[in-house]
Amino acid sequence: APTSMAALWDPQYAGKVLAYDNGEHNFSVTALTVG
């Protein structure tokens, strides 16, 4: 089981990720993944 949103960027899941269509949330969540 994954533990971090960083798993979304894992190359083994290329073409297998559903992402949410919203700029505010995506910027904020991504900011958390980089600390």
PDB file of all heavy atoms in Angstrom:
ATOM      1  N   ALA A   1       0.841  -1.203   0.000  1.00  0.00           N
ATOM      2  CA  ALA A   1       0.000   0.000   0.000  1.00  0.00           C
ATOM      3  C   ALA A   1       0.871   1.246   0.000  1.00  0.00           C
ATOM      4  O   ALA A   1       1.889   1.308   0.693  1.00  0.00           O
ATOM      5  CB  ALA A   1      -0.909  -0.009   1.226  1.00  0.00           C
ATOM      6  N   PRO A   2       0.523   2.252  -0.777  1.00  0.00           N
ATOM      7  CA  PRO A   2       1.297   3.501  -0.780  1.00  0.00           C
ATOM      8  C   PRO A   2       1.114   4.253   0.531  1.00  0.00           C
ATOM      9  O   PRO A   2       0.153   4.012   1.269  1.00  0.00           O
ATOM     10  CB  PRO A   2       0.689   4.275  -1.951  1.00  0.00           C
ATOM     11  CG  PRO A   2      -0.722   3.771  -2.029  1.00  0.00           C
ATOM     12  CD  PRO A   2      -0.663   2.321  -1.643  1.00  0.00           C
ATOM     13  N   THR A   3       2.008   5.166   0.817  1.00  0.00           N
ATOM     14  CA  THR A   3       1.907   5.974   2.036  1.00  0.00           C
ATOM     15  C   THR A   3       1.862   7.468   1.746  1.00  0.00           C
ATOM     16  O   THR A   3       1.495   8.253   2.616  1.00  0.00           O
ATOM     17  CB  THR A   3       3.101   5.708   2.969  1.00  0.00           C
ATOM     18  OG1 THR A   3       4.319   6.037   2.277  1.00  0.00           O
ATOM     19  CG2 THR A   3       3.138   4.242   3.399  1.00  0.00           C
ATOM     20  N   SER A   4       2.220   7.858   0.530  1.00  0.00           N
ATOM     21  CA  SER A   4       2.337   9.273   0.190  1.00  0.00           C
ATOM     22  C   SER A   4       1.693   9.555  -1.162  1.00  0.00           C
ATOM     23  O   SER A   4       1.651   8.689  -2.040  1.00  0.00           O
ATOM     24  CB  SER A   4       3.817   9.674   0.137  1.00  0.00           C
ATOM     25  OG  SER A   4       3.982  10.951  -0.458  1.00  0.00           O
ATOM     26  N   MET A   5       1.228  10.785  -1.339  1.00  0.00           N
ATOM     27  CA  MET A   5       0.713  11.218  -2.635  1.00  0.00           C
ATOM     28  C   MET A   5       1.818  11.182  -3.694  1.00  0.00           C
ATOM     29  O   MET A   5       1.534  11.184  -4.897  1.00  0.00           O
ATOM     30  CB  MET A   5       0.145  12.636  -2.534  1.00  0.00           C
ATOM     31  CG  MET A   5      -1.271  12.710  -2.008  1.00  0.00           C
ATOM     32  SD  MET A   5      -2.472  12.146  -3.235  1.00  0.00           S
ATOM     33  CE  MET A   5      -4.011  12.594  -2.407  1.00  0.00           C
ATOM     34  N   ALA A   6       3.058  11.132  -3.262  1.00  0.00           N
ATOM     35  CA  ALA A   6       4.173  11.059  -4.213  1.00  0.00           C
ATOM     36  C   ALA A   6       4.073   9.815  -5.094  1.00  0.00           C
ATOM     37  O   ALA A   6       4.658   9.769  -6.181  1.00  0.00           O
ATOM     38  CB  ALA A   6       5.494  11.075  -3.459  1.00  0.00           C
ATOM     39  N   ALA A   7       3.315   8.810  -4.658  1.00  0.00           N
ATOM     40  CA  ALA A   7       3.137   7.594  -5.462  1.00  0.00           C
ATOM     41  C   ALA A   7       2.506   7.913  -6.816  1.00  0.00           C
ATOM     42  O   ALA A   7       2.693   7.155  -7.784  1.00  0.00           O
ATOM     43  CB  ALA A   7       2.271   6.594  -4.705  1.00  0.00           C
ATOM     44  N   LEU A   8       1.775   9.002  -6.915  1.00  0.00           N
ATOM     45  CA  LEU A   8       1.145   9.373  -8.182  1.00  0.00           C
ATOM     46  C   LEU A   8       2.176   9.591  -9.291  1.00  0.00           C
ATOM     47  O   LEU A   8       1.858   9.449 -10.475  1.00  0.00           O
ATOM     48  CB  LEU A   8       0.306  10.646  -8.006  1.00  0.00           C
ATOM     49  CG  LEU A   8      -0.900  10.569  -7.072  1.00  0.00           C
ATOM     50  CD1 LEU A   8      -1.498  11.956  -6.861  1.00  0.00           C
ATOM     51  CD2 LEU A   8      -1.962   9.622  -7.629  1.00  0.00           C
ATOM     52  N   TRP A   9       3.409   9.942  -8.894  1.00  0.00           N
ATOM     53  CA  TRP A   9       4.461  10.212  -9.873  1.00  0.00           C
ATOM     54  C   TRP A   9       5.304   8.963 -10.185  1.00  0.00           C
ATOM     55  O   TRP A   9       6.173   9.019 -11.030  1.00  0.00           O
ATOM     56  CB  TRP A   9       5.390  11.311  -9.349  1.00  0.00           C
ATOM     57  CG  TRP A   9       4.850  12.694  -9.503  1.00  0.00           C
ATOM     58  CD1 TRP A   9       5.139  13.585 -10.504  1.00  0.00           C
ATOM     59  CD2 TRP A   9       3.958  13.390  -8.625  1.00  0.00           C
ATOM     60  NE1 TRP A   9       4.478  14.778 -10.311  1.00  0.00           N
ATOM     61  CE2 TRP A   9       3.742  14.686  -9.156  1.00  0.00           C
ATOM     62  CE3 TRP A   9       3.309  13.044  -7.438  1.00  0.00           C
ATOM     63  CZ2 TRP A   9       2.918  15.631  -8.550  1.00  0.00           C
ATOM     64  CZ3 TRP A   9       2.480  13.982  -6.843  1.00  0.00           C
ATOM     65  CH2 TRP A   9       2.284  15.256  -7.380  1.00  0.00           C
ATOM     66  N   ASP A  10       5.042   7.853  -9.531  1.00  0.00           N
ATOM     67  CA  ASP A  10       5.842   6.637  -9.725  1.00  0.00           C
ATOM     68  C   ASP A  10       5.691   6.150 -11.168  1.00  0.00           C
ATOM     69  O   ASP A  10       4.566   5.896 -11.628  1.00  0.00           O
ATOM     70  CB  ASP A  10       5.358   5.562  -8.757  1.00  0.00           C
ATOM     71  CG  ASP A  10       6.289   4.364  -8.694  1.00  0.00           C
ATOM     72  OD1 ASP A  10       6.852   3.995  -9.742  1.00  0.00           O
ATOM     73  OD2 ASP A  10       6.434   3.790  -7.601  1.00  0.00           O
ATOM     74  N   PRO A  11       6.810   5.990 -11.908  1.00  0.00           N
ATOM     75  CA  PRO A  11       6.753   5.594 -13.324  1.00  0.00           C
ATOM     76  C   PRO A  11       6.014   4.283 -13.574  1.00  0.00           C
ATOM     77  O   PRO A  11       5.482   4.077 -14.678  1.00  0.00           O
ATOM     78  CB  PRO A  11       8.228   5.478 -13.712  1.00  0.00           C
ATOM     79  CG  PRO A  11       8.956   6.334 -12.735  1.00  0.00           C
ATOM     80  CD  PRO A  11       8.189   6.234 -11.449  1.00  0.00           C
ATOM     81  N   GLN A  12       5.982   3.391 -12.589  1.00  0.00           N
ATOM     82  CA  GLN A  12       5.308   2.107 -12.822  1.00  0.00           C
ATOM     83  C   GLN A  12       3.799   2.264 -13.006  1.00  0.00           C
ATOM     84  O   GLN A  12       3.118   1.344 -13.454  1.00  0.00           O
ATOM     85  CB  GLN A  12       5.599   1.137 -11.682  1.00  0.00           C
ATOM     86  CG  GLN A  12       4.991   1.507 -10.347  1.00  0.00           C
ATOM     87  CD  GLN A  12       5.240   0.465  -9.274  1.00  0.00           C
ATOM     88  OE1 GLN A  12       4.958  -0.714  -9.460  1.00  0.00           O
ATOM     89  NE2 GLN A  12       5.809   0.902  -8.140  1.00  0.00           N
ATOM     90  N   TYR A  13       3.262   3.461 -12.670  1.00  0.00           N
ATOM     91  CA  TYR A  13       1.835   3.689 -12.821  1.00  0.00           C
ATOM     92  C   TYR A  13       1.522   4.606 -14.006  1.00  0.00           C
ATOM     93  O   TYR A  13       0.466   5.243 -14.061  1.00  0.00           O
ATOM     94  CB  TYR A  13       1.251   4.259 -11.532  1.00  0.00           C
ATOM     95  CG  TYR A  13       1.505   3.380 -10.338  1.00  0.00           C
ATOM     96  CD1 TYR A  13       2.206   3.845  -9.233  1.00  0.00           C
ATOM     97  CD2 TYR A  13       1.071   2.050 -10.335  1.00  0.00           C
ATOM     98  CE1 TYR A  13       2.461   3.018  -8.143  1.00  0.00           C
ATOM     99  CE2 TYR A  13       1.319   1.218  -9.258  1.00  0.00           C
ATOM    100  CZ  TYR A  13       2.019   1.708  -8.165  1.00  0.00           C
ATOM    101  OH  TYR A  13       2.275   0.875  -7.100  1.00  0.00           O
ATOM    102  N   ALA A  14       2.421   4.644 -14.980  1.00  0.00           N
ATOM    103  CA  ALA A  14       2.221   5.474 -16.166  1.00  0.00           C
ATOM    104  C   ALA A  14       0.912   5.089 -16.863  1.00  0.00           C
ATOM    105  O   ALA A  14       0.664   3.917 -17.163  1.00  0.00           O
ATOM    106  CB  ALA A  14       3.388   5.313 -17.127  1.00  0.00           C
ATOM    107  N   GLY A  15       0.068   6.091 -17.073  1.00  0.00           N
ATOM    108  CA  GLY A  15      -1.212   5.864 -17.748  1.00  0.00           C
ATOM    109  C   GLY A  15      -2.264   5.210 -16.887  1.00  0.00           C
ATOM    110  O   GLY A  15      -3.337   4.839 -17.383  1.00  0.00           O
ATOM    111  N   LYS A  16      -2.008   5.088 -15.576  1.00  0.00           N
ATOM    112  CA  LYS A  16      -2.942   4.393 -14.694  1.00  0.00           C
ATOM    113  C   LYS A  16      -3.415   5.258 -13.519  1.00  0.00           C
ATOM    114  O   LYS A  16      -3.911   4.755 -12.518  1.00  0.00           O
ATOM    115  CB  LYS A  16      -2.290   3.124 -14.145  1.00  0.00           C
ATOM    116  CG  LYS A  16      -1.931   2.104 -15.229  1.00  0.00           C
ATOM    117  CD  LYS A  16      -1.348   0.829 -14.628  1.00  0.00           C
ATOM    118  CE  LYS A  16      -1.028  -0.181 -15.716  1.00  0.00           C
ATOM    119  NZ  LYS A  16      -0.509  -1.448 -15.157  1.00  0.00           N
ATOM    120  N   VAL A  17      -3.265   6.573 -13.659  1.00  0.00           N
ATOM    121  CA  VAL A  17      -3.622   7.498 -12.582  1.00  0.00           C
ATOM    122  C   VAL A  17      -4.817   8.352 -12.998  1.00  0.00           C
ATOM    123  O   VAL A  17      -4.851   8.909 -14.099  1.00  0.00           O
ATOM    124  CB  VAL A  17      -2.430   8.420 -12.229  1.00  0.00           C
ATOM    125  CG1 VAL A  17      -2.877   9.556 -11.304  1.00  0.00           C
ATOM    126  CG2 VAL A  17      -1.300   7.622 -11.590  1.00  0.00           C
ATOM    127  N   LEU A  18      -5.808   8.442 -12.109  1.00  0.00           N
ATOM    128  CA  LEU A  18      -6.904   9.393 -12.282  1.00  0.00           C
ATOM    129  C   LEU A  18      -6.596  10.609 -11.423  1.00  0.00           C
ATOM    130  O   LEU A  18      -6.431  10.489 -10.203  1.00  0.00           O
ATOM    131  CB  LEU A  18      -8.241   8.791 -11.867  1.00  0.00           C
ATOM    132  CG  LEU A  18      -8.815   7.664 -12.733  1.00  0.00           C
ATOM    133  CD1 LEU A  18     -10.195   7.249 -12.216  1.00  0.00           C
ATOM    134  CD2 LEU A  18      -8.900   8.088 -14.184  1.00  0.00           C
ATOM    135  N   ALA A  19      -6.531  11.780 -12.047  1.00  0.00           N
ATOM    136  CA  ALA A  19      -6.223  13.017 -11.330  1.00  0.00           C
ATOM    137  C   ALA A  19      -7.449  13.915 -11.310  1.00  0.00           C
ATOM    138  O   ALA A  19      -8.362  13.771 -12.136  1.00  0.00           O
ATOM    139  CB  ALA A  19      -5.046  13.726 -11.982  1.00  0.00           C
ATOM    140  N   TYR A  20      -7.478  14.833 -10.363  1.00  0.00           N
ATOM    141  CA  TYR A  20      -8.627  15.727 -10.190  1.00  0.00           C
ATOM    142  C   TYR A  20      -8.395  17.030 -10.936  1.00  0.00           C
ATOM    143  O   TYR A  20      -7.302  17.596 -10.906  1.00  0.00           O
ATOM    144  CB  TYR A  20      -8.847  15.995  -8.707  1.00  0.00           C
ATOM    145  CG  TYR A  20     -10.034  16.889  -8.414  1.00  0.00           C
ATOM    146  CD1 TYR A  20     -11.309  16.545  -8.854  1.00  0.00           C
ATOM    147  CD2 TYR A  20      -9.873  18.071  -7.690  1.00  0.00           C
ATOM    148  CE1 TYR A  20     -12.403  17.359  -8.588  1.00  0.00           C
ATOM    149  CE2 TYR A  20     -10.965  18.884  -7.411  1.00  0.00           C
ATOM    150  CZ  TYR A  20     -12.228  18.518  -7.866  1.00  0.00           C
ATOM    151  OH  TYR A  20     -13.310  19.321  -7.597  1.00  0.00           O
ATOM    152  N   ASP A  21      -9.435  17.516 -11.592  1.00  0.00           N
ATOM    153  CA  ASP A  21      -9.324  18.702 -12.439  1.00  0.00           C
ATOM    154  C   ASP A  21      -9.589  19.971 -11.633  1.00  0.00           C
ATOM    155  O   ASP A  21     -10.672  20.561 -11.693  1.00  0.00           O
ATOM    156  CB  ASP A  21     -10.320  18.586 -13.596  1.00  0.00           C
ATOM    157  CG  ASP A  21     -10.088  19.643 -14.666  1.00  0.00           C
ATOM    158  OD1 ASP A  21      -9.139  20.436 -14.524  1.00  0.00           O
ATOM    159  OD2 ASP A  21     -10.857  19.671 -15.651  1.00  0.00           O
ATOM    160  N   ASN A  22      -8.576  20.407 -10.869  1.00  0.00           N
ATOM    161  CA  ASN A  22      -8.708  21.618 -10.064  1.00  0.00           C
ATOM    162  C   ASN A  22      -7.327  22.165  -9.746  1.00  0.00           C
ATOM    163  O   ASN A  22      -6.511  21.486  -9.121  1.00  0.00           O
ATOM    164  CB  ASN A  22      -9.470  21.319  -8.771  1.00  0.00           C
ATOM    165  CG  ASN A  22      -9.600  22.539  -7.879  1.00  0.00           C
ATOM    166  OD1 ASN A  22      -8.661  22.915  -7.189  1.00  0.00           O
ATOM    167  ND2 ASN A  22     -10.774  23.156  -7.893  1.00  0.00           N
ATOM    168  N   GLY A  23      -7.056  23.394 -10.171  1.00  0.00           N
ATOM    169  CA  GLY A  23      -5.731  23.972  -9.996  1.00  0.00           C
ATOM    170  C   GLY A  23      -5.370  24.266  -8.553  1.00  0.00           C
ATOM    171  O   GLY A  23      -4.258  23.970  -8.106  1.00  0.00           O
ATOM    172  N   GLU A  24      -6.320  24.837  -7.784  1.00  0.00           N
ATOM    173  CA  GLU A  24      -6.006  25.191  -6.395  1.00  0.00           C
ATOM    174  C   GLU A  24      -5.575  23.974  -5.601  1.00  0.00           C
ATOM    175  O   GLU A  24      -4.550  23.978  -4.930  1.00  0.00           O
ATOM    176  CB  GLU A  24      -7.222  25.851  -5.727  1.00  0.00           C
ATOM    177  CG  GLU A  24      -7.414  27.301  -6.094  1.00  0.00           C
ATOM    178  CD  GLU A  24      -8.373  28.017  -5.157  1.00  0.00           C
ATOM    179  OE1 GLU A  24      -8.464  27.613  -3.976  1.00  0.00           O
ATOM    180  OE2 GLU A  24      -9.021  28.981  -5.601  1.00  0.00           O
ATOM    181  N   HIS A  25      -6.371  22.912  -5.658  1.00  0.00           N
ATOM    182  CA  HIS A  25      -6.061  21.725  -4.861  1.00  0.00           C
ATOM    183  C   HIS A  25      -4.794  21.036  -5.331  1.00  0.00           C
ATOM    184  O   HIS A  25      -3.992  20.559  -4.523  1.00  0.00           O
ATOM    185  CB  HIS A  25      -7.241  20.747  -4.909  1.00  0.00           C
ATOM    186  CG  HIS A  25      -8.418  21.201  -4.126  1.00  0.00           C
ATOM    187  ND1 HIS A  25      -9.554  20.448  -3.969  1.00  0.00           N
ATOM    188  CD2 HIS A  25      -8.645  22.347  -3.433  1.00  0.00           C
ATOM    189  CE1 HIS A  25     -10.433  21.103  -3.223  1.00  0.00           C
ATOM    190  NE2 HIS A  25      -9.900  22.251  -2.901  1.00  0.00           N
ATOM    191  N   ASN A  26      -4.591  20.978  -6.642  1.00  0.00           N
ATOM    192  CA  ASN A  26      -3.403  20.296  -7.147  1.00  0.00           C
ATOM    193  C   ASN A  26      -2.120  21.011  -6.735  1.00  0.00           C
ATOM    194  O   ASN A  26      -1.134  20.359  -6.382  1.00  0.00           O
ATOM    195  CB  ASN A  26      -3.477  20.162  -8.670  1.00  0.00           C
ATOM    196  CG  ASN A  26      -4.251  18.933  -9.096  1.00  0.00           C
ATOM    197  OD1 ASN A  26      -3.796  17.813  -8.916  1.00  0.00           O
ATOM    198  ND2 ASN A  26      -5.433  19.129  -9.646  1.00  0.00           N
ATOM    199  N   PHE A  27      -2.124  22.329  -6.770  1.00  0.00           N
ATOM    200  CA  PHE A  27      -0.939  23.068  -6.334  1.00  0.00           C
ATOM    201  C   PHE A  27      -0.688  22.839  -4.841  1.00  0.00           C
ATOM    202  O   PHE A  27       0.454  22.637  -4.416  1.00  0.00           O
ATOM    203  CB  PHE A  27      -1.094  24.562  -6.638  1.00  0.00           C
ATOM    204  CG  PHE A  27      -0.560  24.964  -7.986  1.00  0.00           C
ATOM    205  CD1 PHE A  27      -1.339  24.834  -9.126  1.00  0.00           C
ATOM    206  CD2 PHE A  27       0.730  25.449  -8.128  1.00  0.00           C
ATOM    207  CE1 PHE A  27      -0.861  25.180 -10.378  1.00  0.00           C
ATOM    208  CE2 PHE A  27       1.242  25.806  -9.376  1.00  0.00           C
ATOM    209  CZ  PHE A  27       0.425  25.669 -10.514  1.00  0.00           C
ATOM    210  N   SER A  28      -1.751  22.864  -4.044  1.00  0.00           N
ATOM    211  CA  SER A  28      -1.585  22.708  -2.598  1.00  0.00           C
ATOM    212  C   SER A  28      -1.108  21.307  -2.226  1.00  0.00           C
ATOM    213  O   SER A  28      -0.196  21.141  -1.413  1.00  0.00           O
ATOM    214  CB  SER A  28      -2.895  23.035  -1.878  1.00  0.00           C
ATOM    215  OG  SER A  28      -3.257  24.384  -2.053  1.00  0.00           O
ATOM    216  N   VAL A  29      -1.747  20.281  -2.803  1.00  0.00           N
ATOM    217  CA  VAL A  29      -1.359  18.909  -2.483  1.00  0.00           C
ATOM    218  C   VAL A  29       0.064  18.625  -2.940  1.00  0.00           C
ATOM    219  O   VAL A  29       0.858  17.991  -2.230  1.00  0.00           O
ATOM    220  CB  VAL A  29      -2.350  17.908  -3.123  1.00  0.00           C
ATOM    221  CG1 VAL A  29      -1.817  16.479  -3.034  1.00  0.00           C
ATOM    222  CG2 VAL A  29      -3.700  17.996  -2.426  1.00  0.00           C
ATOM    223  N   THR A  30       0.407  19.102  -4.126  1.00  0.00           N
ATOM    224  CA  THR A  30       1.772  18.895  -4.632  1.00  0.00           C
ATOM    225  C   THR A  30       2.785  19.606  -3.748  1.00  0.00           C
ATOM    226  O   THR A  30       3.887  19.092  -3.512  1.00  0.00           O
ATOM    227  CB  THR A  30       1.882  19.374  -6.085  1.00  0.00           C
ATOM    228  OG1 THR A  30       0.905  18.695  -6.877  1.00  0.00           O
ATOM    229  CG2 THR A  30       3.260  19.086  -6.652  1.00  0.00           C
ATOM    230  N   ALA A  31       2.418  20.783  -3.237  1.00  0.00           N
ATOM    231  CA  ALA A  31       3.318  21.504  -2.323  1.00  0.00           C
ATOM    232  C   ALA A  31       3.625  20.660  -1.094  1.00  0.00           C
ATOM    233  O   ALA A  31       4.770  20.620  -0.613  1.00  0.00           O
ATOM    234  CB  ALA A  31       2.688  22.829  -1.916  1.00  0.00           C
ATOM    235  N   LEU A  32       2.623  19.954  -0.581  1.00  0.00           N
ATOM    236  CA  LEU A  32       2.844  19.096   0.590  1.00  0.00           C
ATOM    237  C   LEU A  32       3.796  17.950   0.259  1.00  0.00           C
ATOM    238  O   LEU A  32       4.618  17.556   1.093  1.00  0.00           O
ATOM    239  CB  LEU A  32       1.506  18.542   1.092  1.00  0.00           C
ATOM    240  CG  LEU A  32       0.537  19.559   1.702  1.00  0.00           C
ATOM    241  CD1 LEU A  32      -0.794  18.897   2.023  1.00  0.00           C
ATOM    242  CD2 LEU A  32       1.126  20.193   2.964  1.00  0.00           C
ATOM    243  N   THR A  33       3.722  17.416  -0.963  1.00  0.00           N
ATOM    244  CA  THR A  33       4.587  16.274  -1.322  1.00  0.00           C
ATOM    245  C   THR A  33       6.054  16.667  -1.400  1.00  0.00           C
ATOM    246  O   THR A  33       6.929  15.806  -1.281  1.00  0.00           O
ATOM    247  CB  THR A  33       4.169  15.647  -2.669  1.00  0.00           C
ATOM    248  OG1 THR A  33       4.439  16.553  -3.744  1.00  0.00           O
ATOM    249  CG2 THR A  33       2.702  15.253  -2.668  1.00  0.00           C
ATOM    250  N   VAL A  34       6.331  17.967  -1.611  1.00  0.00           N
ATOM    251  CA  VAL A  34       7.735  18.402  -1.686  1.00  0.00           C
ATOM    252  C   VAL A  34       8.183  19.070  -0.389  1.00  0.00           C
ATOM    253  O   VAL A  34       9.253  19.690  -0.335  1.00  0.00           O
ATOM    254  CB  VAL A  34       7.971  19.337  -2.893  1.00  0.00           C
ATOM    255  CG1 VAL A  34       7.710  18.597  -4.188  1.00  0.00           C
ATOM    256  CG2 VAL A  34       7.135  20.612  -2.805  1.00  0.00           C
ATOM    257  N   GLY A  35       7.345  18.980   0.656  1.00  0.00           N
ATOM    258  CA  GLY A  35       7.769  19.449   1.970  1.00  0.00           C
ATOM    259  C   GLY A  35       7.514  20.905   2.275  1.00  0.00           C
ATOM    260  O   GLY A  35       8.097  21.459   3.217  1.00  0.00           O
TER     261      GLY A  35
END
